[in-house]
């Protein structure tokens, strides 16, 4: 059991650290040295969500942090957070927050960096 807990800690950390990159279950499973099918099954049991949803939520959370920076364009934020397209970003963002990225940003105080 300790091995699987260490693997899930490593899996979560790997997803967070590489959320801006293209991630796949087989790639992550290989990185943490677990068979992809086993990781998929246990991932759902441990986190309560499947791998794809967890990656999407991690990217969404990163995008939320980036949206507080008023100097960044929403399209740049989408790709920096790891979304493969603007339509995917908008769809996931609306699903998880109930708002579009533009509406979300408008409702939050914006921090502008001085250049």
N, C-alpha and C. Protein backbone atom coordinates (compact mmCIF):
# COMPACT_ATOMS: atom_id res chain seq x y z
N UNK A 1 0.82 -1.20 0.00
CA UNK A 1 0.00 0.00 0.00
C UNK A 1 0.87 1.26 0.00
N UNK A 2 1.98 1.25 0.72
CA UNK A 2 2.86 2.43 0.75
C UNK A 2 3.37 2.77 -0.64
N UNK A 3 3.66 1.76 -1.43
CA UNK A 3 4.16 2.00 -2.78
C UNK A 3 3.12 2.75 -3.62
N UNK A 4 1.86 2.35 -3.52
CA UNK A 4 0.83 3.01 -4.31
C UNK A 4 0.62 4.44 -3.81
N UNK A 5 0.70 4.68 -2.52
CA UNK A 5 0.55 6.04 -1.99
C UNK A 5 1.70 6.93 -2.47
N UNK A 6 2.91 6.41 -2.46
CA UNK A 6 4.06 7.18 -2.97
C UNK A 6 3.87 7.47 -4.45
N UNK A 7 3.38 6.48 -5.19
CA UNK A 7 3.16 6.67 -6.62
C UNK A 7 2.11 7.74 -6.88
N UNK A 8 1.07 7.79 -6.07
CA UNK A 8 0.05 8.81 -6.29
C UNK A 8 0.54 10.19 -5.88
N UNK A 9 1.36 10.26 -4.87
CA UNK A 9 1.97 11.55 -4.53
C UNK A 9 2.84 12.03 -5.68
N UNK A 10 3.62 11.13 -6.24
CA UNK A 10 4.48 11.47 -7.37
C UNK A 10 3.65 11.81 -8.60
N UNK A 11 2.53 11.11 -8.79
CA UNK A 11 1.67 11.37 -9.94
C UNK A 11 1.07 12.77 -9.87
N UNK A 12 0.52 13.12 -8.71
CA UNK A 12 -0.06 14.45 -8.54
C UNK A 12 0.97 15.55 -8.73
N UNK A 13 2.15 15.34 -8.18
CA UNK A 13 3.22 16.33 -8.31
C UNK A 13 3.65 16.46 -9.78
N UNK A 14 3.77 15.34 -10.46
CA UNK A 14 4.17 15.35 -11.87
C UNK A 14 3.13 16.09 -12.72
N UNK A 15 1.85 15.85 -12.46
CA UNK A 15 0.79 16.52 -13.21
C UNK A 15 0.84 18.03 -12.96
N UNK A 16 1.00 18.44 -11.70
CA UNK A 16 1.08 19.86 -11.39
C UNK A 16 2.29 20.52 -12.05
N UNK A 17 3.43 19.87 -11.95
CA UNK A 17 4.66 20.45 -12.50
C UNK A 17 4.67 20.50 -14.03
N UNK A 18 3.94 19.59 -14.67
CA UNK A 18 3.96 19.50 -16.12
C UNK A 18 2.60 19.80 -16.75
N UNK A 19 1.73 20.49 -16.01
CA UNK A 19 0.38 20.74 -16.51
C UNK A 19 0.37 21.58 -17.78
N UNK A 20 1.42 22.36 -18.02
CA UNK A 20 1.50 23.17 -19.23
C UNK A 20 1.92 22.38 -20.45
N UNK A 21 2.24 21.12 -20.25
CA UNK A 21 2.68 20.26 -21.35
C UNK A 21 1.57 19.28 -21.74
N UNK A 22 1.76 18.61 -22.85
CA UNK A 22 0.82 17.57 -23.24
C UNK A 22 1.03 16.37 -22.33
N UNK A 23 -0.03 15.98 -21.63
CA UNK A 23 0.05 14.85 -20.69
C UNK A 23 -0.89 13.75 -21.15
N UNK A 24 -0.44 12.53 -20.98
CA UNK A 24 -1.30 11.38 -21.27
C UNK A 24 -1.14 10.38 -20.14
N UNK A 25 -2.14 9.56 -19.96
CA UNK A 25 -2.09 8.54 -18.92
C UNK A 25 -0.88 7.61 -19.11
N UNK A 26 -0.63 7.10 -20.33
CA UNK A 26 0.54 6.23 -20.50
C UNK A 26 1.86 6.94 -20.18
N UNK A 27 1.98 8.20 -20.55
CA UNK A 27 3.21 8.95 -20.30
C UNK A 27 3.43 9.13 -18.79
N UNK A 28 2.39 9.51 -18.08
CA UNK A 28 2.49 9.71 -16.63
C UNK A 28 2.73 8.37 -15.94
N UNK A 29 2.03 7.32 -16.36
CA UNK A 29 2.21 6.00 -15.76
C UNK A 29 3.65 5.53 -15.91
N UNK A 30 4.22 5.74 -17.07
CA UNK A 30 5.61 5.35 -17.30
C UNK A 30 6.54 6.13 -16.39
N UNK A 31 6.26 7.42 -16.22
CA UNK A 31 7.11 8.27 -15.38
C UNK A 31 7.10 7.86 -13.92
N UNK A 32 5.96 7.33 -13.45
CA UNK A 32 5.88 6.90 -12.05
C UNK A 32 6.01 5.38 -11.91
N UNK A 33 6.31 4.72 -13.03
CA UNK A 33 6.62 3.29 -13.03
C UNK A 33 5.44 2.41 -12.60
N UNK A 34 4.27 2.71 -13.15
CA UNK A 34 3.06 1.92 -12.89
C UNK A 34 2.38 1.65 -14.23
N UNK A 35 1.77 0.50 -14.38
CA UNK A 35 1.03 0.18 -15.60
C UNK A 35 -0.13 1.15 -15.75
N UNK A 36 -0.38 1.63 -16.95
CA UNK A 36 -1.40 2.65 -17.21
C UNK A 36 -2.80 2.21 -16.76
N UNK A 37 -3.17 0.98 -17.02
CA UNK A 37 -4.51 0.51 -16.62
C UNK A 37 -4.66 0.52 -15.11
N UNK A 38 -3.62 0.09 -14.41
CA UNK A 38 -3.66 0.06 -12.95
C UNK A 38 -3.72 1.49 -12.41
N UNK A 39 -2.92 2.39 -12.98
CA UNK A 39 -2.94 3.78 -12.55
C UNK A 39 -4.33 4.38 -12.76
N UNK A 40 -4.93 4.11 -13.89
CA UNK A 40 -6.26 4.64 -14.18
C UNK A 40 -7.28 4.18 -13.16
N UNK A 41 -7.27 2.89 -12.87
CA UNK A 41 -8.22 2.31 -11.92
C UNK A 41 -8.02 2.89 -10.52
N UNK A 42 -6.78 2.90 -10.06
CA UNK A 42 -6.49 3.38 -8.70
C UNK A 42 -6.63 4.89 -8.60
N UNK A 43 -6.34 5.59 -9.67
CA UNK A 43 -6.45 7.05 -9.68
C UNK A 43 -7.88 7.46 -9.35
N UNK A 44 -8.83 6.80 -9.99
CA UNK A 44 -10.25 7.08 -9.76
C UNK A 44 -10.63 6.76 -8.31
N UNK A 45 -10.13 5.66 -7.79
CA UNK A 45 -10.44 5.28 -6.40
C UNK A 45 -9.87 6.29 -5.40
N UNK A 46 -8.66 6.74 -5.64
CA UNK A 46 -7.97 7.62 -4.69
C UNK A 46 -8.47 9.06 -4.78
N UNK A 47 -8.67 9.57 -6.00
CA UNK A 47 -9.00 10.99 -6.17
C UNK A 47 -10.50 11.25 -6.34
N UNK A 48 -11.25 10.22 -6.71
CA UNK A 48 -12.68 10.41 -6.96
C UNK A 48 -12.98 10.94 -8.36
N UNK A 49 -11.94 11.12 -9.16
CA UNK A 49 -12.14 11.56 -10.55
C UNK A 49 -11.17 10.82 -11.44
N UNK A 50 -11.50 10.80 -12.73
CA UNK A 50 -10.60 10.10 -13.63
C UNK A 50 -9.40 10.99 -13.97
N UNK A 51 -8.42 10.40 -14.61
CA UNK A 51 -7.16 11.08 -14.92
C UNK A 51 -7.39 12.34 -15.75
N UNK A 52 -8.19 12.24 -16.79
CA UNK A 52 -8.42 13.38 -17.69
C UNK A 52 -9.07 14.54 -16.94
N UNK A 53 -10.05 14.24 -16.10
CA UNK A 53 -10.71 15.30 -15.33
C UNK A 53 -9.76 15.94 -14.32
N UNK A 54 -8.89 15.13 -13.74
CA UNK A 54 -7.91 15.67 -12.78
C UNK A 54 -6.94 16.62 -13.48
N UNK A 55 -6.47 16.23 -14.64
CA UNK A 55 -5.56 17.09 -15.40
C UNK A 55 -6.28 18.38 -15.79
N UNK A 56 -7.52 18.27 -16.23
CA UNK A 56 -8.29 19.46 -16.61
C UNK A 56 -8.48 20.39 -15.41
N UNK A 57 -8.77 19.83 -14.24
CA UNK A 57 -8.95 20.65 -13.04
C UNK A 57 -7.64 21.33 -12.65
N UNK A 58 -6.53 20.62 -12.75
CA UNK A 58 -5.22 21.20 -12.43
C UNK A 58 -4.93 22.36 -13.37
N UNK A 59 -5.22 22.19 -14.64
CA UNK A 59 -5.00 23.27 -15.61
C UNK A 59 -5.95 24.44 -15.36
N UNK A 60 -7.18 24.14 -15.01
CA UNK A 60 -8.16 25.17 -14.68
C UNK A 60 -7.67 26.01 -13.49
N UNK A 61 -7.19 25.35 -12.46
CA UNK A 61 -6.69 26.07 -11.27
C UNK A 61 -5.50 26.97 -11.62
N UNK A 62 -4.63 26.48 -12.49
CA UNK A 62 -3.50 27.30 -12.94
C UNK A 62 -4.01 28.51 -13.73
N UNK A 63 -4.98 28.29 -14.60
CA UNK A 63 -5.56 29.38 -15.38
C UNK A 63 -6.21 30.42 -14.48
N UNK A 64 -6.89 29.99 -13.44
CA UNK A 64 -7.51 30.93 -12.49
C UNK A 64 -6.47 31.83 -11.87
N UNK A 65 -5.34 31.26 -11.49
CA UNK A 65 -4.25 32.08 -10.91
C UNK A 65 -3.72 33.07 -11.95
N UNK A 66 -3.55 32.62 -13.16
CA UNK A 66 -3.01 33.48 -14.21
C UNK A 66 -3.98 34.58 -14.63
N UNK A 67 -5.27 34.33 -14.50
CA UNK A 67 -6.27 35.33 -14.89
C UNK A 67 -6.23 36.57 -14.01
N UNK A 68 -5.62 36.47 -12.84
CA UNK A 68 -5.52 37.65 -11.98
C UNK A 68 -4.48 38.64 -12.50
N UNK A 69 -3.68 38.21 -13.45
CA UNK A 69 -2.69 39.09 -14.07
C UNK A 69 -3.33 39.75 -15.29
N UNK A 70 -3.65 41.02 -15.15
CA UNK A 70 -4.33 41.74 -16.22
C UNK A 70 -3.49 41.97 -17.46
N UNK A 71 -2.19 41.70 -17.39
CA UNK A 71 -1.32 41.92 -18.54
C UNK A 71 -1.30 40.73 -19.50
N UNK A 72 -1.83 39.60 -19.08
CA UNK A 72 -1.81 38.41 -19.92
C UNK A 72 -3.11 38.28 -20.70
N UNK A 73 -2.98 37.96 -21.98
CA UNK A 73 -4.16 37.72 -22.80
C UNK A 73 -4.75 36.35 -22.44
N UNK A 74 -6.05 36.24 -22.56
CA UNK A 74 -6.72 35.00 -22.21
C UNK A 74 -6.22 33.84 -23.07
N UNK A 75 -5.94 34.09 -24.33
CA UNK A 75 -5.43 33.01 -25.19
C UNK A 75 -4.06 32.55 -24.71
N UNK A 76 -3.22 33.48 -24.26
CA UNK A 76 -1.90 33.10 -23.72
C UNK A 76 -2.04 32.28 -22.45
N UNK A 77 -3.01 32.64 -21.62
CA UNK A 77 -3.27 31.91 -20.38
C UNK A 77 -3.71 30.49 -20.69
N UNK A 78 -4.59 30.35 -21.67
CA UNK A 78 -5.09 29.02 -22.03
C UNK A 78 -3.95 28.08 -22.38
N UNK A 79 -3.03 28.55 -23.21
CA UNK A 79 -1.93 27.69 -23.64
C UNK A 79 -0.89 27.52 -22.55
N UNK A 80 -0.66 28.55 -21.74
CA UNK A 80 0.30 28.44 -20.62
C UNK A 80 -0.19 27.43 -19.58
N UNK A 81 -1.50 27.34 -19.43
CA UNK A 81 -2.07 26.38 -18.47
C UNK A 81 -2.07 24.96 -19.01
N UNK A 82 -1.83 24.81 -20.32
CA UNK A 82 -1.72 23.47 -20.89
C UNK A 82 -2.87 23.02 -21.76
N UNK A 83 -3.85 23.89 -21.97
CA UNK A 83 -4.96 23.51 -22.85
C UNK A 83 -4.47 23.49 -24.29
N UNK A 84 -5.00 22.56 -25.07
CA UNK A 84 -4.54 22.37 -26.44
C UNK A 84 -5.23 23.30 -27.42
N UNK A 85 -6.37 23.88 -27.02
CA UNK A 85 -7.09 24.82 -27.90
C UNK A 85 -7.90 25.78 -27.04
N UNK A 86 -8.27 26.90 -27.64
CA UNK A 86 -9.11 27.87 -26.93
C UNK A 86 -10.50 27.30 -26.67
N UNK A 87 -11.02 26.52 -27.61
CA UNK A 87 -12.36 25.96 -27.41
C UNK A 87 -12.35 24.97 -26.24
N UNK A 88 -11.30 24.17 -26.12
CA UNK A 88 -11.19 23.25 -24.99
C UNK A 88 -11.10 24.05 -23.68
N UNK A 89 -10.28 25.09 -23.67
CA UNK A 89 -10.13 25.94 -22.49
C UNK A 89 -11.47 26.54 -22.08
N UNK A 90 -12.17 27.14 -23.03
CA UNK A 90 -13.45 27.77 -22.73
C UNK A 90 -14.47 26.77 -22.21
N UNK A 91 -14.51 25.59 -22.83
CA UNK A 91 -15.46 24.55 -22.43
C UNK A 91 -15.19 24.07 -21.00
N UNK A 92 -13.93 23.76 -20.69
CA UNK A 92 -13.55 23.29 -19.36
C UNK A 92 -13.77 24.40 -18.33
N UNK A 93 -13.39 25.61 -18.67
CA UNK A 93 -13.51 26.72 -17.74
C UNK A 93 -14.98 26.96 -17.37
N UNK A 94 -15.84 26.98 -18.37
CA UNK A 94 -17.27 27.19 -18.13
C UNK A 94 -17.86 26.05 -17.30
N UNK A 95 -17.44 24.83 -17.59
CA UNK A 95 -17.94 23.66 -16.86
C UNK A 95 -17.55 23.73 -15.38
N UNK A 96 -16.32 24.13 -15.10
CA UNK A 96 -15.83 24.11 -13.72
C UNK A 96 -16.16 25.37 -12.92
N UNK A 97 -16.32 26.50 -13.59
CA UNK A 97 -16.57 27.74 -12.84
C UNK A 97 -17.97 28.30 -13.05
N UNK A 98 -18.64 27.85 -14.11
CA UNK A 98 -19.95 28.41 -14.43
C UNK A 98 -19.86 29.74 -15.16
N UNK A 99 -18.64 30.19 -15.45
CA UNK A 99 -18.42 31.46 -16.13
C UNK A 99 -17.40 31.26 -17.24
N UNK A 100 -17.43 32.18 -18.19
CA UNK A 100 -16.37 32.18 -19.20
C UNK A 100 -15.11 32.77 -18.55
N UNK A 101 -13.94 32.54 -19.13
CA UNK A 101 -12.72 33.16 -18.57
C UNK A 101 -12.83 34.68 -18.49
N UNK A 102 -13.45 35.29 -19.47
CA UNK A 102 -13.62 36.75 -19.48
C UNK A 102 -14.51 37.19 -18.32
N UNK A 103 -15.61 36.49 -18.10
CA UNK A 103 -16.50 36.82 -16.99
C UNK A 103 -15.80 36.60 -15.65
N UNK A 104 -15.04 35.52 -15.56
CA UNK A 104 -14.31 35.23 -14.33
C UNK A 104 -13.32 36.35 -14.02
N UNK A 105 -12.57 36.76 -15.03
CA UNK A 105 -11.57 37.82 -14.85
C UNK A 105 -12.25 39.13 -14.44
N UNK A 106 -13.38 39.44 -15.05
CA UNK A 106 -14.09 40.69 -14.75
C UNK A 106 -14.59 40.72 -13.31
N UNK A 107 -14.87 39.55 -12.74
CA UNK A 107 -15.39 39.48 -11.37
C UNK A 107 -14.29 39.50 -10.32
N UNK A 108 -13.05 39.36 -10.73
CA UNK A 108 -11.90 39.32 -9.81
C UNK A 108 -11.11 40.60 -9.91
N UNK A 109 -10.48 41.02 -8.79
CA UNK A 109 -9.56 42.16 -8.89
C UNK A 109 -8.36 41.77 -9.75
N UNK A 110 -7.99 42.63 -10.65
CA UNK A 110 -6.89 42.37 -11.57
C UNK A 110 -5.63 43.05 -11.06
N UNK A 111 -4.53 42.32 -11.08
CA UNK A 111 -3.23 42.84 -10.69
C UNK A 111 -2.47 43.15 -11.95
N UNK A 112 -2.09 44.39 -12.11
CA UNK A 112 -1.31 44.78 -13.29
C UNK A 112 0.14 45.01 -12.85
N UNK A 113 1.02 44.42 -13.62
CA UNK A 113 2.44 44.60 -13.34
C UNK A 113 2.93 45.87 -14.04
N UNK A 114 3.76 46.61 -13.36
CA UNK A 114 4.34 47.80 -13.97
C UNK A 114 5.56 47.39 -14.78
N UNK A 115 5.69 47.96 -15.95
CA UNK A 115 6.81 47.58 -16.80
C UNK A 115 7.76 48.71 -16.95
